[in-house]
Amino acid sequence: MSGQVEAAQVKGSPDKTAQVQTAQGDLSGDDVNAIDRLQQAYADLRRELSRVIVGQSEAIEQLAICFFARRNSLLVGVPGLAKTLLVGKFAETLSLSFSRIQFTPDLMPMDITGTDILQDTAEGRREFQFVRGPVFANVVLADEINRAPPKTQAALLEAMQEGNVTVLGKEFALPSPFMVLATQNPVEQEGTYPLPEAQLDRFMSLIELGYPSEAEEIQIARMTTGERQPVLDSLLSVEQILSHQEVVRRVPVPDHLYEFAAKLVRQTRPDGGTAPDWLIPLVAWGAGPRAVQSLILGAKSRAALYGSYMVRQEDILAVASPVLSHRLVLTFAAQAERITAREIIAKLI
């Protein structure tokens, strides 16, 4: 709550720069103005998306947090919840190229990354030319990633981690900004290849889309059974997006919040002597160091999106469930009692 008061004091001051004092140092005047611009851009983004997306406000928030933190995310929800539409319109409003890859059991790595093909040149010779695959886009939707075999999944995960792809020994840089949103269908799991825990850890957040309310469902029916959906306005250029992503990294974090994030993650580890007694029989494997990094990055991004000049504890708590839920491996006892990872995290918080 104190973080909110500090942020409010800064916004009400005629000289904001002089009052932005934090445990990590000072934000420059340019950074303060950049955060103000990002807050306005985020408000415009939400308003623009509401023209075609009904509800799902929490999913939109977590999606924006991941994007401006330069991280990737998992989308989980039953069919028909507008996952593809949300991601496509999100890219449209940000003037970004969008690519959708439908993962199937016969999908090969080269179907994602691209490959060399033999082409005739103007001089009458033949030589290999690289044809880029669908991964060369700013926003990539990996639809039902658990339907592809591990070799194909690994090709996409390399692109996420390294920011480039390697084809026949040659490296090709991916465009910037770059984000992968992978969906998993929780309804049908037959004939799938679930992502291993080590691969799940590479995604910053797991964003769950829930069923709409009755009023929202009626509104969806009205919007989607009439005229064509509107074309959304482009709100930001690529240069502005990259600038906003840079300023998110510079949002200061007080030392006690670094400690808070680390302690929260360490409490999820049943064999480290740091977990509460009630958690030990429920969790087989806790979150690793990447979870602490993701908590801090997510909190920085959320603080900037809401116009705060420093990270507050409420920012960490807001991203804790999406960041930690897919990193916990539950025991058979927890599964038998139908206890979910989100319930465990909520009890920890």
Protein backbone atom coordinates (compact mmCIF):
# COMPACT_ATOMS: atom_id res chain seq x y z
CA MET A 1 0.00 0.00 0.00
CA SER A 2 2.92 2.35 0.73
CA GLY A 3 4.09 1.93 -2.86
CA GLN A 4 0.72 3.27 -4.04
CA VAL A 5 1.06 6.32 -1.81
CA GLU A 6 4.58 7.02 -3.08
CA ALA A 7 3.45 6.69 -6.69
CA ALA A 8 0.50 8.99 -6.06
CA GLN A 9 2.75 11.59 -4.46
CA VAL A 10 5.06 11.51 -7.45
CA LYS A 11 2.21 11.97 -9.94
CA GLY A 12 0.83 14.92 -7.98
CA SER A 13 4.16 16.76 -7.84
CA PRO A 14 5.13 19.56 -10.24
CA ASP A 15 8.67 18.15 -10.38
CA LYS A 16 8.23 14.41 -10.62
CA THR A 17 11.87 13.69 -11.32
CA ALA A 18 13.06 15.12 -8.03
CA GLN A 19 10.69 12.93 -6.04
CA VAL A 20 11.30 9.57 -7.75
CA GLN A 21 13.62 8.23 -5.07
CA THR A 22 13.92 4.46 -4.75
CA ALA A 23 16.10 1.82 -3.17
CA GLN A 24 17.76 1.14 -6.53
CA GLY A 25 18.44 4.70 -7.67
CA ASP A 26 16.67 7.45 -9.55
CA LEU A 27 14.63 7.31 -12.71
CA SER A 28 15.58 9.99 -15.18
CA GLY A 29 13.05 12.56 -16.30
CA ASP A 30 12.87 10.83 -19.68
CA ASP A 31 12.05 7.52 -18.00
CA VAL A 32 9.30 9.10 -15.92
CA ASN A 33 7.71 10.58 -19.04
CA ALA A 34 8.17 7.25 -20.87
CA ILE A 35 6.28 5.40 -18.11
CA ASP A 36 3.47 7.95 -18.37
CA ARG A 37 3.30 7.34 -22.12
CA LEU A 38 3.29 3.56 -21.61
CA GLN A 39 0.44 3.84 -19.11
CA GLN A 40 -1.60 5.80 -21.66
CA ALA A 41 -0.71 3.35 -24.44
CA TYR A 42 -1.84 0.44 -22.26
CA ALA A 43 -5.17 2.15 -21.53
CA ASP A 44 -5.63 2.73 -25.27
CA LEU A 45 -4.73 -0.90 -25.98
CA ARG A 46 -7.34 -2.23 -23.57
CA ARG A 47 -9.98 0.10 -25.00
CA GLU A 48 -9.18 -0.89 -28.58
CA LEU A 49 -9.20 -4.64 -27.81
CA SER A 50 -12.57 -4.29 -26.06
CA ARG A 51 -14.08 -3.53 -29.48
CA VAL A 52 -13.64 -7.19 -30.47
CA ILE A 53 -12.79 -9.07 -27.24
CA VAL A 54 -15.54 -9.37 -24.64
CA GLY A 55 -14.28 -9.67 -21.07
CA GLN A 56 -10.98 -11.52 -20.49
CA SER A 57 -9.54 -8.40 -18.84
CA GLU A 58 -7.13 -10.42 -16.68
CA ALA A 59 -5.85 -12.36 -19.69
CA ILE A 60 -5.26 -9.10 -21.59
CA GLU A 61 -3.36 -7.67 -18.63
CA GLN A 62 -1.11 -10.72 -18.28
CA LEU A 63 -0.54 -10.80 -22.04
CA ALA A 64 0.59 -7.16 -22.03
CA ILE A 65 2.79 -7.78 -18.98
CA CYS A 66 4.59 -10.64 -20.75
CA PHE A 67 4.96 -8.71 -23.99
CA PHE A 68 6.51 -5.58 -22.51
CA ALA A 69 8.74 -7.74 -20.29
CA ARG A 70 10.06 -9.43 -23.50
CA ARG A 71 8.92 -12.84 -22.39
CA ASN A 72 6.81 -15.69 -23.77
CA SER A 73 3.62 -17.14 -22.40
CA LEU A 74 1.32 -20.15 -22.38
CA LEU A 75 -2.39 -19.71 -23.10
CA VAL A 76 -4.72 -22.36 -21.69
CA GLY A 77 -8.45 -22.51 -22.23
CA VAL A 78 -11.17 -24.66 -23.71
CA PRO A 79 -12.02 -24.17 -27.41
CA GLY A 80 -14.02 -21.10 -28.38
CA LEU A 81 -12.63 -18.61 -25.85
CA ALA A 82 -11.07 -16.36 -28.53
CA LYS A 83 -7.44 -17.27 -27.83
CA THR A 84 -6.43 -16.93 -31.48
CA LEU A 85 -8.54 -13.81 -31.97
CA LEU A 86 -7.04 -12.18 -28.87
CA VAL A 87 -3.46 -12.78 -29.98
CA GLY A 88 -4.12 -11.71 -33.57
CA LYS A 89 -5.88 -8.48 -32.57
CA PHE A 90 -3.19 -7.78 -29.96
CA ALA A 91 -0.58 -7.88 -32.74
CA GLU A 92 -2.82 -5.79 -35.01
CA THR A 93 -3.16 -2.95 -32.52
CA LEU A 94 0.63 -2.85 -32.05
CA SER A 95 1.45 -2.81 -35.79
CA LEU A 96 3.26 -6.14 -35.50
CA SER A 97 3.47 -9.06 -37.90
CA PHE A 98 1.49 -12.07 -36.72
CA SER A 99 1.93 -15.74 -37.54
CA ARG A 100 -0.14 -18.73 -36.46
CA ILE A 101 1.36 -22.23 -36.49
CA GLN A 102 -1.07 -25.12 -36.08
CA PHE A 103 0.91 -27.87 -34.38
CA THR A 104 0.13 -31.40 -35.55
CA PRO A 105 1.89 -34.76 -35.03
CA ASP A 106 3.41 -34.64 -38.53
CA LEU A 107 4.80 -31.09 -38.22
CA MET A 108 8.57 -30.99 -38.82
CA PRO A 109 11.09 -28.43 -37.47
CA MET A 110 11.68 -27.03 -40.96
CA ASP A 111 7.95 -26.29 -41.21
CA ILE A 112 8.51 -23.78 -38.40
CA THR A 113 11.96 -22.39 -39.04
CA GLY A 114 12.12 -22.58 -42.84
CA THR A 115 14.59 -24.38 -45.08
CA ASP A 116 16.96 -24.00 -48.04
CA ILE A 117 15.48 -24.66 -51.46
CA LEU A 118 17.21 -24.86 -54.84
CA GLN A 119 16.47 -21.82 -56.99
CA ASP A 120 17.48 -20.65 -60.47
CA THR A 121 19.38 -17.37 -60.43
CA ALA A 122 19.29 -14.60 -63.03
CA GLU A 123 22.67 -15.79 -64.30
CA GLY A 124 21.26 -19.22 -65.10
CA ARG A 125 22.95 -20.93 -62.17
CA ARG A 126 21.29 -22.87 -59.40
CA GLU A 127 21.92 -22.14 -55.75
CA PHE A 128 20.27 -22.68 -52.40
CA GLN A 129 18.17 -19.87 -50.98
CA PHE A 130 16.72 -19.79 -47.49
CA VAL A 131 12.92 -19.54 -47.34
CA ARG A 132 11.83 -18.21 -43.97
CA GLY A 133 9.27 -20.15 -41.98
CA PRO A 134 6.31 -18.81 -39.99
CA VAL A 135 8.45 -18.30 -36.88
CA PHE A 136 9.84 -15.14 -38.52
CA ALA A 137 7.13 -12.85 -37.16
CA ASN A 138 6.86 -10.46 -34.22
CA VAL A 139 4.05 -12.39 -32.53
CA VAL A 140 3.90 -16.15 -33.08
CA LEU A 141 0.90 -18.18 -31.95
CA ALA A 142 1.90 -21.82 -31.47
CA ASP A 143 -1.54 -23.39 -31.49
CA GLU A 144 -1.82 -26.63 -29.48
CA ILE A 145 1.93 -26.96 -29.05
CA ASN A 146 1.46 -30.24 -27.17
CA ARG A 147 0.28 -31.95 -30.37
CA ALA A 148 3.71 -31.83 -32.03
CA PRO A 149 6.53 -34.30 -31.22
CA PRO A 150 9.39 -33.14 -28.95
CA LYS A 151 11.80 -32.52 -31.85
CA THR A 152 9.45 -29.97 -33.37
CA GLN A 153 8.71 -28.39 -29.99
CA ALA A 154 12.47 -28.00 -29.45
CA ALA A 155 12.84 -26.02 -32.69
CA LEU A 156 10.40 -23.41 -31.42
CA LEU A 157 11.87 -23.38 -27.92
CA GLU A 158 15.33 -22.66 -29.35
CA ALA A 159 13.89 -19.66 -31.17
CA MET A 160 12.31 -18.44 -27.92
CA GLN A 161 15.52 -18.79 -25.93
CA GLU A 162 18.13 -17.63 -28.44
CA GLY A 163 16.26 -15.11 -30.55
CA ASN A 164 17.45 -16.83 -33.72
CA VAL A 165 17.10 -20.11 -35.58
CA THR A 166 19.80 -22.41 -36.93
CA VAL A 167 19.19 -24.10 -40.27
CA LEU A 168 21.92 -26.27 -41.83
CA GLY A 169 24.56 -24.64 -39.66
CA LYS A 170 23.52 -21.06 -40.50
CA GLU A 171 22.01 -18.68 -37.96
CA PHE A 172 19.16 -16.35 -38.85
CA ALA A 173 18.07 -13.60 -36.46
CA LEU A 174 14.39 -13.30 -35.60
CA PRO A 175 12.61 -9.93 -35.81
CA SER A 176 12.41 -7.69 -32.79
CA PRO A 177 10.21 -7.48 -30.80
CA PHE A 178 9.52 -11.21 -30.69
CA MET A 179 7.01 -13.14 -28.61
CA VAL A 180 5.72 -16.71 -28.64
CA LEU A 181 2.28 -17.51 -27.28
CA ALA A 182 1.71 -21.25 -27.06
CA THR A 183 -1.76 -22.68 -26.48
CA GLN A 184 -2.64 -25.98 -24.89
CA ASN A 185 -6.10 -27.51 -25.06
CA PRO A 186 -7.02 -28.84 -21.60
CA VAL A 187 -10.02 -30.81 -22.89
CA GLU A 188 -8.48 -33.43 -25.17
CA GLN A 189 -5.12 -34.93 -24.17
CA GLU A 190 -5.17 -38.15 -26.18
CA GLY A 191 -2.30 -38.42 -28.66
CA THR A 192 -0.46 -35.40 -27.32
CA TYR A 193 3.14 -34.74 -26.25
CA PRO A 194 2.93 -32.65 -23.06
CA LEU A 195 5.74 -30.16 -22.62
CA PRO A 196 8.29 -31.36 -20.04
CA GLU A 197 8.66 -29.34 -16.86
CA ALA A 198 12.05 -28.02 -18.00
CA GLN A 199 10.44 -26.64 -21.17
CA LEU A 200 7.45 -25.19 -19.33
CA ASP A 201 9.91 -23.26 -17.20
CA ARG A 202 10.96 -21.28 -20.30
CA PHE A 203 7.56 -19.60 -20.43
CA MET A 204 7.19 -16.65 -18.12
CA SER A 205 3.47 -17.05 -17.41
CA LEU A 206 0.55 -19.39 -17.82
CA ILE A 207 -2.51 -17.34 -18.78
CA GLU A 208 -5.81 -19.11 -18.21
CA LEU A 209 -8.90 -17.98 -20.09
CA GLY A 210 -12.11 -18.80 -18.31
CA TYR A 211 -15.71 -19.04 -19.47
CA PRO A 212 -17.47 -15.69 -19.95
CA SER A 213 -20.37 -14.61 -17.78
CA GLU A 214 -23.93 -14.93 -19.09
CA ALA A 215 -24.06 -11.23 -20.03
CA GLU A 216 -20.70 -11.48 -21.78
CA GLU A 217 -21.80 -14.60 -23.66
CA ILE A 218 -24.88 -12.79 -24.95
CA GLN A 219 -22.70 -9.87 -26.04
CA ILE A 220 -20.31 -12.28 -27.82
CA ALA A 221 -23.22 -13.77 -29.75
CA ARG A 222 -24.41 -10.31 -30.81
CA MET A 223 -20.94 -9.18 -31.92
CA THR A 224 -19.95 -12.29 -33.83
CA THR A 225 -23.20 -13.03 -35.69
CA GLY A 226 -23.67 -9.63 -37.26
CA GLU A 227 -21.52 -7.58 -39.58
CA ARG A 228 -17.80 -8.03 -40.04
CA GLN A 229 -15.65 -7.22 -37.03
CA PRO A 230 -14.00 -3.79 -37.02
CA VAL A 231 -10.40 -3.22 -38.06
CA LEU A 232 -8.51 -2.01 -35.01
CA ASP A 233 -6.34 1.09 -35.00
CA SER A 234 -2.56 0.72 -34.78
CA LEU A 235 -1.47 2.37 -31.55
CA LEU A 236 2.33 2.00 -31.43
CA SER A 237 5.21 1.74 -33.87
CA VAL A 238 7.95 -0.88 -33.54
CA GLU A 239 10.39 1.82 -32.36
CA GLN A 240 7.97 2.93 -29.62
CA ILE A 241 7.42 -0.67 -28.50
CA LEU A 242 11.16 -1.33 -28.22
CA SER A 243 11.56 1.91 -26.25
CA HIS A 244 8.77 0.89 -23.86
CA GLN A 245 10.35 -2.54 -23.38
CA GLU A 246 13.64 -0.85 -22.49
CA VAL A 247 12.08 1.44 -19.90
CA VAL A 248 10.32 -1.52 -18.25
CA ARG A 249 13.75 -2.98 -17.51
CA ARG A 250 14.76 0.24 -15.77
CA VAL A 251 11.82 0.36 -13.32
CA PRO A 252 13.45 0.24 -9.86
CA VAL A 253 12.77 -2.55 -7.37
CA PRO A 254 13.31 -2.00 -3.61
CA ASP A 255 15.66 -4.50 -1.99
CA HIS A 256 12.98 -5.91 0.31
CA LEU A 257 10.88 -6.89 -2.72
CA TYR A 258 13.76 -8.88 -4.21
CA GLU A 259 13.85 -10.73 -0.88
CA PHE A 260 10.05 -11.12 -0.89
CA ALA A 261 10.07 -12.66 -4.38
CA ALA A 262 12.91 -15.04 -3.52
CA LYS A 263 11.24 -16.18 -0.29
CA LEU A 264 7.94 -16.75 -2.06
CA VAL A 265 9.58 -18.98 -4.66
CA ARG A 266 11.66 -20.85 -2.08
CA GLN A 267 8.48 -21.68 -0.15
CA THR A 268 7.31 -23.77 -3.13
CA ARG A 269 10.28 -26.18 -2.78
CA PRO A 270 9.31 -29.10 -0.52
CA ASP A 271 12.86 -30.38 0.03
CA GLY A 272 14.63 -27.11 0.77
CA GLY A 273 13.57 -26.66 4.39
CA THR A 274 11.76 -23.44 3.43
CA ALA A 275 8.29 -24.79 2.57
CA PRO A 276 5.41 -24.71 5.07
CA ASP A 277 4.41 -28.08 6.50
CA TRP A 278 1.07 -28.21 4.70
CA LEU A 279 2.71 -27.82 1.27
CA ILE A 280 5.23 -30.69 1.52
CA PRO A 281 2.78 -33.57 0.83
CA LEU A 282 1.20 -31.65 -2.08
CA VAL A 283 4.19 -30.54 -4.17
CA ALA A 284 6.78 -32.93 -5.61
CA TRP A 285 8.92 -30.25 -7.25
CA GLY A 286 8.94 -26.50 -6.72
CA ALA A 287 9.83 -23.49 -8.84
CA GLY A 288 13.43 -22.74 -9.85
CA PRO A 289 15.47 -19.52 -10.08
CA ARG A 290 13.79 -18.53 -13.37
CA ALA A 291 10.61 -18.03 -11.35
CA VAL A 292 12.27 -15.29 -9.26
CA GLN A 293 13.47 -13.58 -12.44
CA SER A 294 9.98 -13.79 -13.94
CA LEU A 295 8.33 -12.44 -10.79
CA ILE A 296 10.60 -9.40 -10.81
CA LEU A 297 10.29 -8.80 -14.56
CA GLY A 298 6.53 -9.26 -14.47
CA ALA A 299 6.22 -6.90 -11.52
CA LYS A 300 8.34 -4.28 -13.33
CA SER A 301 6.17 -4.55 -16.40
CA ARG A 302 2.92 -4.32 -14.45
CA ALA A 303 4.15 -1.33 -12.46
CA ALA A 304 5.03 0.52 -15.68
CA LEU A 305 1.73 -0.36 -17.34
CA TYR A 306 -0.13 1.12 -14.39
CA GLY A 307 2.03 4.24 -14.30
CA SER A 308 4.00 3.44 -11.15
CA TYR A 309 7.63 4.59 -10.98
CA MET A 310 8.72 1.72 -8.77
CA VAL A 311 7.68 -1.87 -8.17
CA ARG A 312 5.21 -2.45 -5.33
CA GLN A 313 4.43 -5.65 -3.47
CA GLU A 314 0.99 -5.75 -5.07
CA ASP A 315 2.69 -5.99 -8.49
CA ILE A 316 4.54 -9.15 -7.44
CA LEU A 317 1.37 -10.66 -5.96
CA ALA A 318 -0.57 -9.88 -9.16
CA VAL A 319 1.83 -11.91 -11.30
CA ALA A 320 2.59 -14.65 -8.75
CA SER A 321 -0.12 -17.10 -9.81
CA PRO A 322 0.50 -16.92 -13.60
CA VAL A 323 4.27 -17.12 -13.06
CA LEU A 324 4.32 -19.98 -10.56
CA SER A 325 1.34 -22.20 -11.40
CA HIS A 326 2.94 -24.07 -14.33
CA ARG A 327 6.24 -24.48 -12.47
CA LEU A 328 4.89 -26.63 -9.65
CA VAL A 329 4.80 -30.41 -10.05
CA LEU A 330 2.05 -31.75 -7.83
CA THR A 331 2.09 -35.08 -6.04
CA PHE A 332 -0.42 -37.86 -6.61
CA ALA A 333 -2.01 -36.95 -3.28
CA ALA A 334 -2.73 -33.42 -4.48
CA GLN A 335 -4.10 -34.68 -7.78
CA ALA A 336 -6.29 -37.22 -6.01
CA GLU A 337 -7.76 -34.46 -3.85
CA ARG A 338 -8.14 -32.25 -6.96
CA ILE A 339 -5.98 -29.53 -5.49
CA THR A 340 -4.62 -27.22 -8.19
CA ALA A 341 -1.33 -25.34 -8.31
CA ARG A 342 -3.23 -22.04 -8.30
CA GLU A 343 -4.95 -22.99 -5.04
CA ILE A 344 -1.58 -23.80 -3.47
CA ILE A 345 -0.11 -20.47 -4.61
CA ALA A 346 -3.17 -18.59 -3.37
CA LYS A 347 -2.74 -20.18 0.06
CA LEU A 348 0.98 -19.28 0.06
CA ILE A 349 0.19 -15.67 -0.77
